[in-house]
C-alpha cells in the first residue's frame, strides 16, 4: 500500500486515498466503501498519513512506521505462526 497517498479528512470518518487536488479542495476515494467524492478545503482540513505521529513514552513515532511494522509482523505470523481453528 502506498501510504503517501492516504489522508485523513476532518469531519469525515475513515481514511481516504487522494486522487487529485485543486486549490479549492481534493477528489478522494474512501478506503472503506470505495466511494469517490470532492471535499472542499474551505470546510475540511487534510492530514497526510505520513505527517501523523503517535506519542509514546520515549519518542514520537510516525504512524506510517507503525503500520509498516504491523504489516511485516502479520506477514511473519501468517507464514510461521500456528494455524488457529475457529
C-alpha atoms as a PDB file:
ATOM      1  CA  UNK A   1       0.000   0.000   0.000  1.00  0.00           C
ATOM      2  CA  UNK A   2       1.249   3.477  -0.826  1.00  0.00           C
ATOM      3  CA  UNK A   3       0.985   5.425   2.410  1.00  0.00           C
ATOM      4  CA  UNK A   4       1.935   8.757   0.777  1.00  0.00           C
ATOM      5  CA  UNK A   5      -1.490   8.906  -0.951  1.00  0.00           C
ATOM      6  CA  UNK A   6      -3.544   8.165   2.183  1.00  0.00           C
ATOM      7  CA  UNK A   7      -5.136  11.098   4.023  1.00  0.00           C
ATOM      8  CA  UNK A   8      -7.450  11.762   6.933  1.00  0.00           C
ATOM      9  CA  UNK A   9     -10.167  14.385   6.392  1.00  0.00           C
ATOM     10  CA  UNK A  10     -11.577  16.382   9.299  1.00  0.00           C
ATOM     11  CA  UNK A  11     -15.292  15.826   9.784  1.00  0.00           C
ATOM     12  CA  UNK A  12     -15.331  12.607   7.748  1.00  0.00           C
ATOM     13  CA  UNK A  13     -14.894   9.114   9.185  1.00  0.00           C
ATOM     14  CA  UNK A  14     -12.192   6.756   7.953  1.00  0.00           C
ATOM     15  CA  UNK A  15      -9.212   7.187   5.668  1.00  0.00           C
ATOM     16  CA  UNK A  16      -9.154   8.294   2.047  1.00  0.00           C
ATOM     17  CA  UNK A  17      -6.915   7.918  -0.981  1.00  0.00           C
ATOM     18  CA  UNK A  18      -6.004  11.264  -2.540  1.00  0.00           C
ATOM     19  CA  UNK A  19      -6.831  11.027  -6.248  1.00  0.00           C
ATOM     20  CA  UNK A  20      -6.394  14.675  -7.267  1.00  0.00           C
ATOM     21  CA  UNK A  21      -6.023  18.032  -5.569  1.00  0.00           C
ATOM     22  CA  UNK A  22      -7.105  21.515  -6.580  1.00  0.00           C
ATOM     23  CA  UNK A  23      -6.797  24.928  -4.979  1.00  0.00           C
ATOM     24  CA  UNK A  24     -10.321  24.705  -3.552  1.00  0.00           C
ATOM     25  CA  UNK A  25     -10.287  21.052  -2.427  1.00  0.00           C
ATOM     26  CA  UNK A  26      -9.495  17.480  -3.371  1.00  0.00           C
ATOM     27  CA  UNK A  27     -11.021  14.434  -5.003  1.00  0.00           C
ATOM     28  CA  UNK A  28     -10.769  11.494  -2.619  1.00  0.00           C
ATOM     29  CA  UNK A  29     -11.793   7.821  -2.575  1.00  0.00           C
ATOM     30  CA  UNK A  30     -12.872   6.139   0.645  1.00  0.00           C
ATOM     31  CA  UNK A  31     -10.779   3.121   1.607  1.00  0.00           C
ATOM     32  CA  UNK A  32     -13.824   1.656   3.320  1.00  0.00           C
ATOM     33  CA  UNK A  33     -16.552   1.678   0.664  1.00  0.00           C
ATOM     34  CA  UNK A  34     -14.576   2.865  -2.412  1.00  0.00           C
ATOM     35  CA  UNK A  35     -16.901   5.842  -2.982  1.00  0.00           C
ATOM     36  CA  UNK A  36     -15.363   8.898  -4.678  1.00  0.00           C
ATOM     37  CA  UNK A  37     -16.217  12.475  -3.732  1.00  0.00           C
ATOM     38  CA  UNK A  38     -14.990  16.064  -3.895  1.00  0.00           C
ATOM     39  CA  UNK A  39     -14.050  17.516  -0.498  1.00  0.00           C
ATOM     40  CA  UNK A  40     -13.842  21.300  -0.136  1.00  0.00           C
ATOM     41  CA  UNK A  41     -10.772  22.727   1.595  1.00  0.00           C
ATOM     42  CA  UNK A  42     -12.946  25.593   2.859  1.00  0.00           C
ATOM     43  CA  UNK A  43     -14.812  23.200   5.139  1.00  0.00           C
ATOM     44  CA  UNK A  44     -12.310  20.377   5.757  1.00  0.00           C
ATOM     45  CA  UNK A  45      -8.612  20.038   6.579  1.00  0.00           C
ATOM     46  CA  UNK A  46      -6.418  17.275   5.179  1.00  0.00           C
ATOM     47  CA  UNK A  47      -3.706  15.350   7.042  1.00  0.00           C
ATOM     48  CA  UNK A  48      -1.360  13.040   5.165  1.00  0.00           C
ATOM     49  CA  UNK A  49      -0.759   9.777   6.964  1.00  0.00           C
ATOM     50  CA  UNK A  50       2.991  10.422   6.783  1.00  0.00           C
ATOM     51  CA  UNK A  51       2.604  13.591   8.883  1.00  0.00           C
ATOM     52  CA  UNK A  52       0.632  11.948  11.713  1.00  0.00           C
ATOM     53  CA  UNK A  53       2.683  10.943  14.747  1.00  0.00           C
ATOM     54  CA  UNK A  54       1.849   8.835  17.768  1.00  0.00           C
ATOM     55  CA  UNK A  55       3.129   9.975  21.137  1.00  0.00           C
ATOM     56  CA  UNK A  56       4.930   7.256  23.076  1.00  0.00           C
ATOM     57  CA  UNK A  57       6.788   7.092  26.365  1.00  0.00           C
ATOM     58  CA  UNK A  58      10.138   7.856  24.727  1.00  0.00           C
ATOM     59  CA  UNK A  59       9.839   9.469  21.288  1.00  0.00           C
ATOM     60  CA  UNK A  60       7.146  10.359  18.797  1.00  0.00           C
ATOM     61  CA  UNK A  61       6.724   7.691  16.129  1.00  0.00           C
ATOM     62  CA  UNK A  62       5.309   8.239  12.644  1.00  0.00           C
ATOM     63  CA  UNK A  63       2.067   6.343  12.065  1.00  0.00           C
ATOM     64  CA  UNK A  64       3.436   5.028   8.753  1.00  0.00           C
ATOM     65  CA  UNK A  65       6.332   3.353  10.588  1.00  0.00           C
ATOM     66  CA  UNK A  66       3.887   1.622  12.926  1.00  0.00           C
ATOM     67  CA  UNK A  67       1.669   0.449  10.056  1.00  0.00           C
ATOM     68  CA  UNK A  68       4.695  -0.935   8.170  1.00  0.00           C
ATOM     69  CA  UNK A  69       5.857  -2.770  11.310  1.00  0.00           C
ATOM     70  CA  UNK A  70       2.356  -4.217  11.775  1.00  0.00           C
ATOM     71  CA  UNK A  71       2.287  -5.318   8.132  1.00  0.00           C
ATOM     72  CA  UNK A  72       5.661  -7.057   8.486  1.00  0.00           C
ATOM     73  CA  UNK A  73       4.629  -8.629  11.782  1.00  0.00           C
ATOM     74  CA  UNK A  74       1.391 -10.032  10.348  1.00  0.00           C
ATOM     75  CA  UNK A  75       3.264 -11.477   7.365  1.00  0.00           C
ATOM     76  CA  UNK A  76       5.634 -13.261   9.736  1.00  0.00           C
ATOM     77  CA  UNK A  77       2.751 -14.525  11.868  1.00  0.00           C
ATOM     78  CA  UNK A  78       0.836 -15.949   8.922  1.00  0.00           C
ATOM     79  CA  UNK A  79       3.924 -17.632   7.477  1.00  0.00           C
ATOM     80  CA  UNK A  80       5.365 -19.072  10.686  1.00  0.00           C
ATOM     81  CA  UNK A  81       2.546 -18.987  13.189  1.00  0.00           C
ATOM     82  CA  UNK A  82       0.307 -21.825  14.276  1.00  0.00           C
ATOM     83  CA  UNK A  83      -2.955 -22.379  12.465  1.00  0.00           C
ATOM     84  CA  UNK A  84      -5.983 -21.456  14.543  1.00  0.00           C
ATOM     85  CA  UNK A  85      -9.229 -23.415  14.334  1.00  0.00           C
ATOM     86  CA  UNK A  86     -12.477 -21.491  14.735  1.00  0.00           C
END
